[in-house]
Amino acid sequence: RNLFDCFDIVDRGLANNQKKNHLQQTDEDELEPHPASYLTALLPGEACDDSFLAITAQSILFEIHRIVGEGKDSAPLEMIAETLLARKISKEEIEEALDHLLMQGEIHEVEDNCFIAEE
């Protein structure tokens, strides 16, 4: 199951592909697209935090599956966060997405800061 299933990407989201990318201000006052802005252009409606939440949550699920697929019993938060932080996803976005996934029952915390995905 994919978190983007609730979005009608084919019919509505691709129309947004021509919209201006979501931009963030850098320290040098230059405009630079957020690393995930190309994905939000595929989502229906305006780019917002919910789009980044969906992207971050999906990335967390991918990481949990990857880590568990390598033979670990669960995915430690440190390993999940290391990969996502390298992709310039902020600590706050990671925490928000983890909370969302836990509340939705998509992941379970089996030990302190160790997670598995719902089967």
PDB file of N, CA and C in Angstrom:
ATOM      1  N   ARG A   1       0.843  -1.177   0.000  1.00  0.00           N
ATOM      2  CA  ARG A   1       0.000   0.000   0.000  1.00  0.00           C
ATOM      3  C   ARG A   1       0.884   1.233   0.000  1.00  0.00           C
ATOM      4  N   ASN A   2       0.472   2.253  -0.730  1.00  0.00           N
ATOM      5  CA  ASN A   2       1.265   3.460  -0.899  1.00  0.00           C
ATOM      6  C   ASN A   2       0.531   4.633  -0.264  1.00  0.00           C
ATOM      7  N   LEU A   3       1.239   5.478   0.454  1.00  0.00           N
ATOM      8  CA  LEU A   3       0.603   6.633   1.098  1.00  0.00           C
ATOM      9  C   LEU A   3       0.022   7.608   0.094  1.00  0.00           C
ATOM     10  N   PHE A   4       0.496   7.559  -1.151  1.00  0.00           N
ATOM     11  CA  PHE A   4      -0.021   8.465  -2.160  1.00  0.00           C
ATOM     12  C   PHE A   4      -1.309   7.952  -2.802  1.00  0.00           C
ATOM     13  N   ASP A   5      -1.794   6.771  -2.388  1.00  0.00           N
ATOM     14  CA  ASP A   5      -3.013   6.222  -2.966  1.00  0.00           C
ATOM     15  C   ASP A   5      -4.211   7.143  -2.784  1.00  0.00           C
ATOM     16  N   CYS A   6      -4.193   7.969  -1.744  1.00  0.00           N
ATOM     17  CA  CYS A   6      -5.328   8.857  -1.492  1.00  0.00           C
ATOM     18  C   CYS A   6      -5.344  10.033  -2.464  1.00  0.00           C
ATOM     19  N   PHE A   7      -4.265  10.231  -3.208  1.00  0.00           N
ATOM     20  CA  PHE A   7      -4.203  11.329  -4.159  1.00  0.00           C
ATOM     21  C   PHE A   7      -4.498  10.804  -5.554  1.00  0.00           C
ATOM     22  N   ASP A   8      -5.244  11.553  -6.314  1.00  0.00           N
ATOM     23  CA  ASP A   8      -5.543  11.201  -7.695  1.00  0.00           C
ATOM     24  C   ASP A   8      -4.471  11.826  -8.586  1.00  0.00           C
ATOM     25  N   ILE A   9      -3.266  11.266  -8.527  1.00  0.00           N
ATOM     26  CA  ILE A   9      -2.116  11.859  -9.208  1.00  0.00           C
ATOM     27  C   ILE A   9      -2.297  11.864 -10.720  1.00  0.00           C
ATOM     28  N   VAL A  10      -2.812  10.799 -11.260  1.00  0.00           N
ATOM     29  CA  VAL A  10      -2.908  10.693 -12.709  1.00  0.00           C
ATOM     30  C   VAL A  10      -3.828  11.755 -13.281  1.00  0.00           C
ATOM     31  N   ASP A  11      -5.016  11.929 -12.690  1.00  0.00           N
ATOM     32  CA  ASP A  11      -5.994  12.852 -13.253  1.00  0.00           C
ATOM     33  C   ASP A  11      -5.761  14.308 -12.887  1.00  0.00           C
ATOM     34  N   ARG A  12      -5.323  14.562 -11.648  1.00  0.00           N
ATOM     35  CA  ARG A  12      -5.225  15.948 -11.207  1.00  0.00           C
ATOM     36  C   ARG A  12      -3.807  16.422 -10.960  1.00  0.00           C
ATOM     37  N   GLY A  13      -2.981  15.558 -10.419  1.00  0.00           N
ATOM     38  CA  GLY A  13      -1.657  15.983  -9.985  1.00  0.00           C
ATOM     39  C   GLY A  13      -0.725  16.382 -11.108  1.00  0.00           C
ATOM     40  N   LEU A  14      -0.792  15.683 -12.226  1.00  0.00           N
ATOM     41  CA  LEU A  14       0.123  16.003 -13.312  1.00  0.00           C
ATOM     42  C   LEU A  14      -0.152  17.378 -13.904  1.00  0.00           C
ATOM     43  N   ALA A  15      -1.375  17.877 -13.742  1.00  0.00           N
ATOM     44  CA  ALA A  15      -1.683  19.229 -14.201  1.00  0.00           C
ATOM     45  C   ALA A  15      -0.866  20.262 -13.440  1.00  0.00           C
ATOM     46  N   ASN A  16      -0.486  19.926 -12.220  1.00  0.00           N
ATOM     47  CA  ASN A  16       0.310  20.845 -11.407  1.00  0.00           C
ATOM     48  C   ASN A  16       1.785  20.810 -11.773  1.00  0.00           C
ATOM     49  N   ASN A  17       2.177  19.900 -12.637  1.00  0.00           N
ATOM     50  CA  ASN A  17       3.590  19.734 -12.972  1.00  0.00           C
ATOM     51  C   ASN A  17       4.186  20.987 -13.591  1.00  0.00           C
ATOM     52  N   GLN A  18       3.368  21.795 -14.219  1.00  0.00           N
ATOM     53  CA  GLN A  18       3.855  23.012 -14.847  1.00  0.00           C
ATOM     54  C   GLN A  18       3.965  24.170 -13.864  1.00  0.00           C
ATOM     55  N   LYS A  19       3.421  23.991 -12.657  1.00  0.00           N
ATOM     56  CA  LYS A  19       3.472  25.056 -11.658  1.00  0.00           C
ATOM     57  C   LYS A  19       4.896  25.277 -11.193  1.00  0.00           C
ATOM     58  N   LYS A  20       5.144  26.450 -10.711  1.00  0.00           N
ATOM     59  CA  LYS A  20       6.471  26.805 -10.189  1.00  0.00           C
ATOM     60  C   LYS A  20       6.821  25.897  -9.014  1.00  0.00           C
ATOM     61  N   ASN A  21       8.060  25.409  -8.978  1.00  0.00           N
ATOM     62  CA  ASN A  21       8.530  24.559  -7.884  1.00  0.00           C
ATOM     63  C   ASN A  21       8.508  25.325  -6.579  1.00  0.00           C
ATOM     64  N   HIS A  22       8.243  24.582  -5.514  1.00  0.00           N
ATOM     65  CA  HIS A  22       8.300  25.158  -4.172  1.00  0.00           C
ATOM     66  C   HIS A  22       9.745  25.557  -3.893  1.00  0.00           C
ATOM     67  N   LEU A  23       9.957  26.817  -3.526  1.00  0.00           N
ATOM     68  CA  LEU A  23      11.312  27.318  -3.338  1.00  0.00           C
ATOM     69  C   LEU A  23      11.588  27.601  -1.881  1.00  0.00           C
ATOM     70  N   GLN A  24      12.835  27.472  -1.527  1.00  0.00           N
ATOM     71  CA  GLN A  24      13.252  27.822  -0.172  1.00  0.00           C
ATOM     72  C   GLN A  24      14.373  28.840  -0.264  1.00  0.00           C
ATOM     73  N   GLN A  25      14.456  29.704   0.716  1.00  0.00           N
ATOM     74  CA  GLN A  25      15.472  30.744   0.751  1.00  0.00           C
ATOM     75  C   GLN A  25      16.757  30.180   1.343  1.00  0.00           C
ATOM     76  N   THR A  26      17.885  30.427   0.704  1.00  0.00           N
ATOM     77  CA  THR A  26      19.163  29.989   1.240  1.00  0.00           C
ATOM     78  C   THR A  26      19.812  31.128   2.000  1.00  0.00           C
ATOM     79  N   ASP A  27      20.918  30.835   2.681  1.00  0.00           N
ATOM     80  CA  ASP A  27      21.617  31.855   3.448  1.00  0.00           C
ATOM     81  C   ASP A  27      22.113  32.993   2.576  1.00  0.00           C
ATOM     82  N   GLU A  28      22.445  32.710   1.331  1.00  0.00           N
ATOM     83  CA  GLU A  28      22.973  33.739   0.434  1.00  0.00           C
ATOM     84  C   GLU A  28      21.857  34.490  -0.290  1.00  0.00           C
ATOM     85  N   ASP A  29      20.623  34.365   0.163  1.00  0.00           N
ATOM     86  CA  ASP A  29      19.458  34.992  -0.458  1.00  0.00           C
ATOM     87  C   ASP A  29      19.258  34.554  -1.908  1.00  0.00           C
ATOM     88  N   GLU A  30      19.704  33.358  -2.233  1.00  0.00           N
ATOM     89  CA  GLU A  30      19.442  32.787  -3.545  1.00  0.00           C
ATOM     90  C   GLU A  30      18.261  31.839  -3.407  1.00  0.00           C
ATOM     91  N   LEU A  31      17.479  31.721  -4.465  1.00  0.00           N
ATOM     92  CA  LEU A  31      16.361  30.788  -4.441  1.00  0.00           C
ATOM     93  C   LEU A  31      16.849  29.432  -4.927  1.00  0.00           C
ATOM     94  N   GLU A  32      16.466  28.408  -4.193  1.00  0.00           N
ATOM     95  CA  GLU A  32      16.899  27.051  -4.505  1.00  0.00           C
ATOM     96  C   GLU A  32      15.717  26.122  -4.274  1.00  0.00           C
ATOM     97  N   PRO A  33      15.378  25.245  -5.227  1.00  0.00           N
ATOM     98  CA  PRO A  33      14.241  24.352  -5.000  1.00  0.00           C
ATOM     99  C   PRO A  33      14.532  23.360  -3.879  1.00  0.00           C
ATOM    100  N   HIS A  34      13.505  23.071  -3.097  1.00  0.00           N
ATOM    101  CA  HIS A  34      13.626  22.050  -2.059  1.00  0.00           C
ATOM    102  C   HIS A  34      13.884  20.722  -2.762  1.00  0.00           C
ATOM    103  N   PRO A  35      14.714  19.848  -2.180  1.00  0.00           N
ATOM    104  CA  PRO A  35      15.022  18.573  -2.841  1.00  0.00           C
ATOM    105  C   PRO A  35      13.794  17.748  -3.216  1.00  0.00           C
ATOM    106  N   ALA A  36      12.691  17.895  -2.505  1.00  0.00           N
ATOM    107  CA  ALA A  36      11.496  17.097  -2.801  1.00  0.00           C
ATOM    108  C   ALA A  36      10.481  17.853  -3.648  1.00  0.00           C
ATOM    109  N   SER A  37      10.824  19.040  -4.128  1.00  0.00           N
ATOM    110  CA  SER A  37       9.838  19.848  -4.844  1.00  0.00           C
ATOM    111  C   SER A  37       9.354  19.189  -6.131  1.00  0.00           C
ATOM    112  N   TYR A  38      10.197  18.383  -6.769  1.00  0.00           N
ATOM    113  CA  TYR A  38       9.755  17.720  -7.990  1.00  0.00           C
ATOM    114  C   TYR A  38       8.634  16.726  -7.707  1.00  0.00           C
ATOM    115  N   LEU A  39       8.578  16.154  -6.506  1.00  0.00           N
ATOM    116  CA  LEU A  39       7.500  15.234  -6.150  1.00  0.00           C
ATOM    117  C   LEU A  39       6.213  15.977  -5.835  1.00  0.00           C
ATOM    118  N   THR A  40       6.320  17.133  -5.179  1.00  0.00           N
ATOM    119  CA  THR A  40       5.109  17.866  -4.818  1.00  0.00           C
ATOM    120  C   THR A  40       4.420  18.423  -6.047  1.00  0.00           C
ATOM    121  N   ALA A  41       5.144  18.607  -7.142  1.00  0.00           N
ATOM    122  CA  ALA A  41       4.518  19.074  -8.372  1.00  0.00           C
ATOM    123  C   ALA A  41       3.550  18.028  -8.919  1.00  0.00           C
ATOM    124  N   LEU A  42       3.692  16.776  -8.526  1.00  0.00           N
ATOM    125  CA  LEU A  42       2.799  15.712  -8.989  1.00  0.00           C
ATOM    126  C   LEU A  42       1.538  15.585  -8.145  1.00  0.00           C
ATOM    127  N   LEU A  43       1.499  16.271  -7.000  1.00  0.00           N
ATOM    128  CA  LEU A  43       0.360  16.149  -6.098  1.00  0.00           C
ATOM    129  C   LEU A  43      -0.720  17.157  -6.447  1.00  0.00           C
ATOM    130  N   PRO A  44      -1.983  16.808  -6.219  1.00  0.00           N
ATOM    131  CA  PRO A  44      -3.064  17.752  -6.486  1.00  0.00           C
ATOM    132  C   PRO A  44      -3.042  18.890  -5.482  1.00  0.00           C
ATOM    133  N   GLY A  45      -3.556  20.042  -5.891  1.00  0.00           N
ATOM    134  CA  GLY A  45      -3.636  21.188  -4.986  1.00  0.00           C
ATOM    135  C   GLY A  45      -2.307  21.884  -4.830  1.00  0.00           C
ATOM    136  N   GLU A  46      -2.281  22.845  -3.919  1.00  0.00           N
ATOM    137  CA  GLU A  46      -1.073  23.617  -3.665  1.00  0.00           C
ATOM    138  C   GLU A  46      -0.071  22.809  -2.857  1.00  0.00           C
ATOM    139  N   ALA A  47       1.209  23.077  -3.069  1.00  0.00           N
ATOM    140  CA  ALA A  47       2.250  22.430  -2.266  1.00  0.00           C
ATOM    141  C   ALA A  47       2.122  22.909  -0.825  1.00  0.00           C
ATOM    142  N   CYS A  48       2.195  21.982   0.117  1.00  0.00           N
ATOM    143  CA  CYS A  48       2.031  22.346   1.523  1.00  0.00           C
ATOM    144  C   CYS A  48       2.766  21.332   2.387  1.00  0.00           C
ATOM    145  N   ASP A  49       2.712  21.533   3.701  1.00  0.00           N
ATOM    146  CA  ASP A  49       3.372  20.620   4.625  1.00  0.00           C
ATOM    147  C   ASP A  49       2.849  19.193   4.487  1.00  0.00           C
ATOM    148  N   ASP A  50       1.568  19.033   4.155  1.00  0.00           N
ATOM    149  CA  ASP A  50       1.023  17.686   4.037  1.00  0.00           C
ATOM    150  C   ASP A  50       1.713  16.898   2.929  1.00  0.00           C
ATOM    151  N   SER A  51       2.094  17.567   1.871  1.00  0.00           N
ATOM    152  CA  SER A  51       2.828  16.896   0.797  1.00  0.00           C
ATOM    153  C   SER A  51       4.174  16.411   1.304  1.00  0.00           C
ATOM    154  N   PHE A  52       4.860  17.248   2.061  1.00  0.00           N
ATOM    155  CA  PHE A  52       6.148  16.855   2.614  1.00  0.00           C
ATOM    156  C   PHE A  52       5.974  15.761   3.663  1.00  0.00           C
ATOM    157  N   LEU A  53       4.872  15.794   4.389  1.00  0.00           N
ATOM    158  CA  LEU A  53       4.588  14.739   5.361  1.00  0.00           C
ATOM    159  C   LEU A  53       4.448  13.401   4.640  1.00  0.00           C
ATOM    160  N   ALA A  54       3.708  13.379   3.545  1.00  0.00           N
ATOM    161  CA  ALA A  54       3.523  12.139   2.787  1.00  0.00           C
ATOM    162  C   ALA A  54       4.847  11.633   2.225  1.00  0.00           C
ATOM    163  N   ILE A  55       5.659  12.533   1.709  1.00  0.00           N
ATOM    164  CA  ILE A  55       6.958  12.152   1.149  1.00  0.00           C
ATOM    165  C   ILE A  55       7.868  11.607   2.242  1.00  0.00           C
ATOM    166  N   THR A  56       7.901  12.296   3.379  1.00  0.00           N
ATOM    167  CA  THR A  56       8.758  11.868   4.485  1.00  0.00           C
ATOM    168  C   THR A  56       8.283  10.532   5.049  1.00  0.00           C
ATOM    169  N   ALA A  57       6.978  10.384   5.220  1.00  0.00           N
ATOM    170  CA  ALA A  57       6.432   9.128   5.741  1.00  0.00           C
ATOM    171  C   ALA A  57       6.748   7.969   4.799  1.00  0.00           C
ATOM    172  N   GLN A  58       6.606   8.191   3.500  1.00  0.00           N
ATOM    173  CA  GLN A  58       6.922   7.142   2.532  1.00  0.00           C
ATOM    174  C   GLN A  58       8.403   6.791   2.597  1.00  0.00           C
ATOM    175  N   SER A  59       9.258   7.793   2.754  1.00  0.00           N
ATOM    176  CA  SER A  59      10.705   7.550   2.870  1.00  0.00           C
ATOM    177  C   SER A  59      11.030   6.733   4.117  1.00  0.00           C
ATOM    178  N   ILE A  60      10.336   7.016   5.210  1.00  0.00           N
ATOM    179  CA  ILE A  60      10.543   6.252   6.448  1.00  0.00           C
ATOM    180  C   ILE A  60      10.147   4.793   6.235  1.00  0.00           C
ATOM    181  N   LEU A  61       9.017   4.571   5.580  1.00  0.00           N
ATOM    182  CA  LEU A  61       8.592   3.196   5.301  1.00  0.00           C
ATOM    183  C   LEU A  61       9.615   2.466   4.432  1.00  0.00           C
ATOM    184  N   PHE A  62      10.129   3.142   3.410  1.00  0.00           N
ATOM    185  CA  PHE A  62      11.161   2.532   2.565  1.00  0.00           C
ATOM    186  C   PHE A  62      12.379   2.146   3.397  1.00  0.00           C
ATOM    187  N   GLU A  63      12.802   3.040   4.283  1.00  0.00           N
ATOM    188  CA  GLU A  63      13.986   2.776   5.104  1.00  0.00           C
ATOM    189  C   GLU A  63      13.753   1.610   6.065  1.00  0.00           C
ATOM    190  N   ILE A  64      12.577   1.565   6.681  1.00  0.00           N
ATOM    191  CA  ILE A  64      12.268   0.457   7.592  1.00  0.00           C
ATOM    192  C   ILE A  64      12.319  -0.867   6.837  1.00  0.00           C
ATOM    193  N   HIS A  65      11.696  -0.913   5.668  1.00  0.00           N
ATOM    194  CA  HIS A  65      11.709  -2.144   4.865  1.00  0.00           C
ATOM    195  C   HIS A  65      13.129  -2.512   4.437  1.00  0.00           C
ATOM    196  N   ARG A  66      13.935  -1.523   4.081  1.00  0.00           N
ATOM    197  CA  ARG A  66      15.314  -1.785   3.666  1.00  0.00           C
ATOM    198  C   ARG A  66      16.126  -2.366   4.821  1.00  0.00           C
ATOM    199  N   ILE A  67      16.013  -1.729   5.997  1.00  0.00           N
ATOM    200  CA  ILE A  67      16.795  -2.157   7.165  1.00  0.00           C
ATOM    201  C   ILE A  67      16.381  -3.556   7.613  1.00  0.00           C
ATOM    202  N   VAL A  68      15.073  -3.794   7.702  1.00  0.00           N
ATOM    203  CA  VAL A  68      14.582  -5.119   8.103  1.00  0.00           C
ATOM    204  C   VAL A  68      14.933  -6.153   7.030  1.00  0.00           C
ATOM    205  N   GLY A  69      14.895  -5.741   5.770  1.00  0.00           N
ATOM    206  CA  GLY A  69      15.261  -6.635   4.674  1.00  0.00           C
ATOM    207  C   GLY A  69      16.721  -7.062   4.699  1.00  0.00           C
ATOM    208  N   GLU A  70      17.552  -6.276   5.368  1.00  0.00           N
ATOM    209  CA  GLU A  70      18.974  -6.618   5.508  1.00  0.00           C
ATOM    210  C   GLU A  70      19.219  -7.575   6.667  1.00  0.00           C
ATOM    211  N   GLY A  71      18.134  -8.009   7.338  1.00  0.00           N
ATOM    212  CA  GLY A  71      18.275  -9.021   8.377  1.00  0.00           C
ATOM    213  C   GLY A  71      18.106  -8.542   9.807  1.00  0.00           C
ATOM    214  N   LYS A  72      17.867  -7.268  10.018  1.00  0.00           N
ATOM    215  CA  LYS A  72      17.655  -6.766  11.379  1.00  0.00           C
ATOM    216  C   LYS A  72      16.216  -7.079  11.807  1.00  0.00           C
ATOM    217  N   ASP A  73      16.013  -7.245  13.114  1.00  0.00           N
ATOM    218  CA  ASP A  73      14.667  -7.507  13.635  1.00  0.00           C
ATOM    219  C   ASP A  73      13.780  -6.274  13.557  1.00  0.00           C
ATOM    220  N   SER A  74      14.385  -5.099  13.701  1.00  0.00           N
ATOM    221  CA  SER A  74      13.648  -3.840  13.640  1.00  0.00           C
ATOM    222  C   SER A  74      14.589  -2.751  13.138  1.00  0.00           C
ATOM    223  N   ALA A  75      14.014  -1.594  12.820  1.00  0.00           N
ATOM    224  CA  ALA A  75      14.796  -0.478  12.287  1.00  0.00           C
ATOM    225  C   ALA A  75      14.996   0.575  13.372  1.00  0.00           C
ATOM    226  N   PRO A  76      16.236   0.759  13.835  1.00  0.00           N
ATOM    227  CA  PRO A  76      16.501   1.788  14.846  1.00  0.00           C
ATOM    228  C   PRO A  76      16.322   3.187  14.255  1.00  0.00           C
ATOM    229  N   LEU A  77      15.800   4.088  15.061  1.00  0.00           N
ATOM    230  CA  LEU A  77      15.576   5.460  14.620  1.00  0.00           C
ATOM    231  C   LEU A  77      16.858   6.093  14.093  1.00  0.00           C
ATOM    232  N   GLU A  78      17.987   5.802  14.717  1.00  0.00           N
ATOM    233  CA  GLU A  78      19.254   6.395  14.286  1.00  0.00           C
ATOM    234  C   GLU A  78      19.567   6.037  12.832  1.00  0.00           C
ATOM    235  N   MET A  79      19.310   4.795  12.450  1.00  0.00           N
ATOM    236  CA  MET A  79      19.580   4.366  11.071  1.00  0.00           C
ATOM    237  C   MET A  79      18.603   5.007  10.092  1.00  0.00           C
ATOM    238  N   ILE A  80      17.343   5.102  10.499  1.00  0.00           N
ATOM    239  CA  ILE A  80      16.334   5.735   9.648  1.00  0.00           C
ATOM    240  C   ILE A  80      16.692   7.202   9.448  1.00  0.00           C
ATOM    241  N   ALA A  81      16.953   7.895  10.552  1.00  0.00           N
ATOM    242  CA  ALA A  81      17.216   9.334  10.504  1.00  0.00           C
ATOM    243  C   ALA A  81      18.488   9.652   9.733  1.00  0.00           C
ATOM    244  N   GLU A  82      19.499   8.817   9.859  1.00  0.00           N
ATOM    245  CA  GLU A  82      20.774   9.073   9.169  1.00  0.00           C
ATOM    246  C   GLU A  82      20.563   9.215   7.662  1.00  0.00           C
ATOM    247  N   THR A  83      19.800   8.310   7.091  1.00  0.00           N
ATOM    248  CA  THR A  83      19.538   8.348   5.652  1.00  0.00           C
ATOM    249  C   THR A  83      18.689   9.553   5.276  1.00  0.00           C
ATOM    250  N   LEU A  84      17.649   9.832   6.065  1.00  0.00           N
ATOM    251  CA  LEU A  84      16.749  10.934   5.727  1.00  0.00           C
ATOM    252  C   LEU A  84      17.412  12.294   5.921  1.00  0.00           C
ATOM    253  N   LEU A  85      18.218  12.430   6.954  1.00  0.00           N
ATOM    254  CA  LEU A  85      18.938  13.690   7.166  1.00  0.00           C
ATOM    255  C   LEU A  85      19.909  13.949   6.016  1.00  0.00           C
ATOM    256  N   ALA A  86      20.498  12.896   5.481  1.00  0.00           N
ATOM    257  CA  ALA A  86      21.393  13.045   4.326  1.00  0.00           C
ATOM    258  C   ALA A  86      20.631  13.528   3.095  1.00  0.00           C
ATOM    259  N   ARG A  87      19.326  13.270   3.059  1.00  0.00           N
ATOM    260  CA  ARG A  87      18.469  13.731   1.955  1.00  0.00           C
ATOM    261  C   ARG A  87      17.880  15.111   2.231  1.00  0.00           C
ATOM    262  N   LYS A  88      18.377  15.762   3.271  1.00  0.00           N
ATOM    263  CA  LYS A  88      17.966  17.112   3.671  1.00  0.00           C
ATOM    264  C   LYS A  88      16.531  17.167   4.188  1.00  0.00           C
ATOM    265  N   ILE A  89      16.062  16.067   4.765  1.00  0.00           N
ATOM    266  CA  ILE A  89      14.772  16.059   5.448  1.00  0.00           C
ATOM    267  C   ILE A  89      15.063  16.411   6.897  1.00  0.00           C
ATOM    268  N   SER A  90      14.381  17.428   7.408  1.00  0.00           N
ATOM    269  CA  SER A  90      14.693  17.932   8.747  1.00  0.00           C
ATOM    270  C   SER A  90      14.261  16.960   9.842  1.00  0.00           C
ATOM    271  N   LYS A  91      14.889  17.112  10.988  1.00  0.00           N
ATOM    272  CA  LYS A  91      14.573  16.296  12.166  1.00  0.00           C
ATOM    273  C   LYS A  91      13.096  16.445  12.545  1.00  0.00           C
ATOM    274  N   GLU A  92      12.579  17.673  12.459  1.00  0.00           N
ATOM    275  CA  GLU A  92      11.172  17.926  12.801  1.00  0.00           C
ATOM    276  C   GLU A  92      10.232  17.205  11.838  1.00  0.00           C
ATOM    277  N   GLU A  93      10.554  17.215  10.536  1.00  0.00           N
ATOM    278  CA  GLU A  93       9.725  16.515   9.553  1.00  0.00           C
ATOM    279  C   GLU A  93       9.742  15.008   9.798  1.00  0.00           C
ATOM    280  N   ILE A  94      10.903  14.480  10.183  1.00  0.00           N
ATOM    281  CA  ILE A  94      11.021  13.052  10.484  1.00  0.00           C
ATOM    282  C   ILE A  94      10.161  12.696  11.691  1.00  0.00           C
ATOM    283  N   GLU A  95      10.233  13.504  12.749  1.00  0.00           N
ATOM    284  CA  GLU A  95       9.435  13.252  13.955  1.00  0.00           C
ATOM    285  C   GLU A  95       7.947  13.322  13.653  1.00  0.00           C
ATOM    286  N   GLU A  96       7.530  14.319  12.861  1.00  0.00           N
ATOM    287  CA  GLU A  96       6.117  14.459  12.505  1.00  0.00           C
ATOM    288  C   GLU A  96       5.639  13.247  11.702  1.00  0.00           C
ATOM    289  N   ALA A  97       6.444  12.803  10.756  1.00  0.00           N
ATOM    290  CA  ALA A  97       6.060  11.653   9.936  1.00  0.00           C
ATOM    291  C   ALA A  97       6.026  10.366  10.755  1.00  0.00           C
ATOM    292  N   LEU A  98       6.976  10.196  11.677  1.00  0.00           N
ATOM    293  CA  LEU A  98       6.950   9.021  12.561  1.00  0.00           C
ATOM    294  C   LEU A  98       5.675   9.001  13.397  1.00  0.00           C
ATOM    295  N   ASP A  99       5.326  10.141  13.984  1.00  0.00           N
ATOM    296  CA  ASP A  99       4.091  10.232  14.771  1.00  0.00           C
ATOM    297  C   ASP A  99       2.882   9.883  13.917  1.00  0.00           C
ATOM    298  N   HIS A 100       2.850  10.406  12.702  1.00  0.00           N
ATOM    299  CA  HIS A 100       1.735  10.142  11.792  1.00  0.00           C
ATOM    300  C   HIS A 100       1.635   8.646  11.479  1.00  0.00           C
ATOM    301  N   LEU A 101       2.763   8.032  11.151  1.00  0.00           N
ATOM    302  CA  LEU A 101       2.761   6.600  10.829  1.00  0.00           C
ATOM    303  C   LEU A 101       2.351   5.750  12.025  1.00  0.00           C
ATOM    304  N   LEU A 102       2.796   6.126  13.216  1.00  0.00           N
ATOM    305  CA  LEU A 102       2.399   5.400  14.431  1.00  0.00           C
ATOM    306  C   LEU A 102       0.898   5.531  14.672  1.00  0.00           C
ATOM    307  N   MET A 103       0.359   6.745  14.535  1.00  0.00           N
ATOM    308  CA  MET A 103      -1.076   6.969  14.766  1.00  0.00           C
ATOM    309  C   MET A 103      -1.930   6.248  13.728  1.00  0.00           C
ATOM    310  N   GLN A 104      -1.426   6.123  12.495  1.00  0.00           N
ATOM    311  CA  GLN A 104      -2.169   5.444  11.434  1.00  0.00           C
ATOM    312  C   GLN A 104      -2.014   3.927  11.493  1.00  0.00           C
ATOM    313  N   GLY A 105      -1.144   3.438  12.365  1.00  0.00           N
ATOM    314  CA  GLY A 105      -0.924   2.001  12.470  1.00  0.00           C
ATOM    315  C   GLY A 105      -0.077   1.427  11.348  1.00  0.00           C
ATOM    316  N   GLU A 106       0.612   2.289  10.607  1.00  0.00           N
ATOM    317  CA  GLU A 106       1.462   1.837   9.504  1.00  0.00           C
ATOM    318  C   GLU A 106       2.786   1.271  10.006  1.00  0.00           C
ATOM    319  N   ILE A 107       3.248   1.750  11.178  1.00  0.00           N
ATOM    320  CA  ILE A 107       4.461   1.223  11.801  1.00  0.00           C
ATOM    321  C   ILE A 107       4.172   0.976  13.275  1.00  0.00           C
ATOM    322  N   HIS A 108       5.030   0.171  13.899  1.00  0.00           N
ATOM    323  CA  HIS A 108       4.903  -0.130  15.325  1.00  0.00           C
ATOM    324  C   HIS A 108       6.270   0.025  15.975  1.00  0.00           C
ATOM    325  N   GLU A 109       6.267   0.569  17.186  1.00  0.00           N
ATOM    326  CA  GLU A 109       7.504   0.690  17.951  1.00  0.00           C
ATOM    327  C   GLU A 109       7.631  -0.561  18.810  1.00  0.00           C
ATOM    328  N   VAL A 110       8.587  -1.431  18.477  1.00  0.00           N
ATOM    329  CA  VAL A 110       8.729  -2.711  19.168  1.00  0.00           C
ATOM    330  C   VAL A 110       9.690  -2.621  20.348  1.00  0.00           C
ATOM    331  N   GLU A 111      10.608  -1.690  20.301  1.00  0.00           N
ATOM    332  CA  GLU A 111      11.517  -1.369  21.391  1.00  0.00           C
ATOM    333  C   GLU A 111      11.652   0.144  21.399  1.00  0.00           C
ATOM    334  N   ASP A 112      12.360   0.673  22.381  1.00  0.00           N
ATOM    335  CA  ASP A 112      12.551   2.113  22.439  1.00  0.00           C
ATOM    336  C   ASP A 112      13.271   2.589  21.176  1.00  0.00           C
ATOM    337  N   ASN A 113      12.578   3.405  20.370  1.00  0.00           N
ATOM    338  CA  ASN A 113      13.101   3.969  19.121  1.00  0.00           C
ATOM    339  C   ASN A 113      13.516   2.921  18.091  1.00  0.00           C
ATOM    340  N   CYS A 114      12.833   1.783  18.082  1.00  0.00           N
ATOM    341  CA  CYS A 114      13.038   0.748  17.065  1.00  0.00           C
ATOM    342  C   CYS A 114      11.676   0.401  16.467  1.00  0.00           C
ATOM    343  N   PHE A 115      11.596   0.384  15.140  1.00  0.00           N
ATOM    344  CA  PHE A 115      10.308   0.287  14.470  1.00  0.00           C
ATOM    345  C   PHE A 115      10.269  -0.857  13.467  1.00  0.00           C
ATOM    346  N   ILE A 116       9.041  -1.358  13.249  1.00  0.00           N
ATOM    347  CA  ILE A 116       8.758  -2.295  12.169  1.00  0.00           C
ATOM    348  C   ILE A 116       7.542  -1.762  11.426  1.00  0.00           C
ATOM    349  N   ALA A 117       7.411  -2.141  10.164  1.00  0.00           N
ATOM    350  CA  ALA A 117       6.263  -1.722   9.365  1.00  0.00           C
ATOM    351  C   ALA A 117       5.130  -2.722   9.528  1.00  0.00           C
ATOM    352  N   GLU A 118       3.908  -2.238   9.396  1.00  0.00           N
ATOM    353  CA  GLU A 118       2.726  -3.100   9.407  1.00  0.00           C
ATOM    354  C   GLU A 118       2.794  -4.009   8.189  1.00  0.00           C
ATOM    355  N   GLU A 119       2.457  -5.255   8.375  1.00  0.00           N
ATOM    356  CA  GLU A 119       2.479  -6.224   7.259  1.00  0.00           C
ATOM    357  C   GLU A 119       1.307  -6.036   6.355  1.00  0.00           C
TER     358      GLU A 119
END
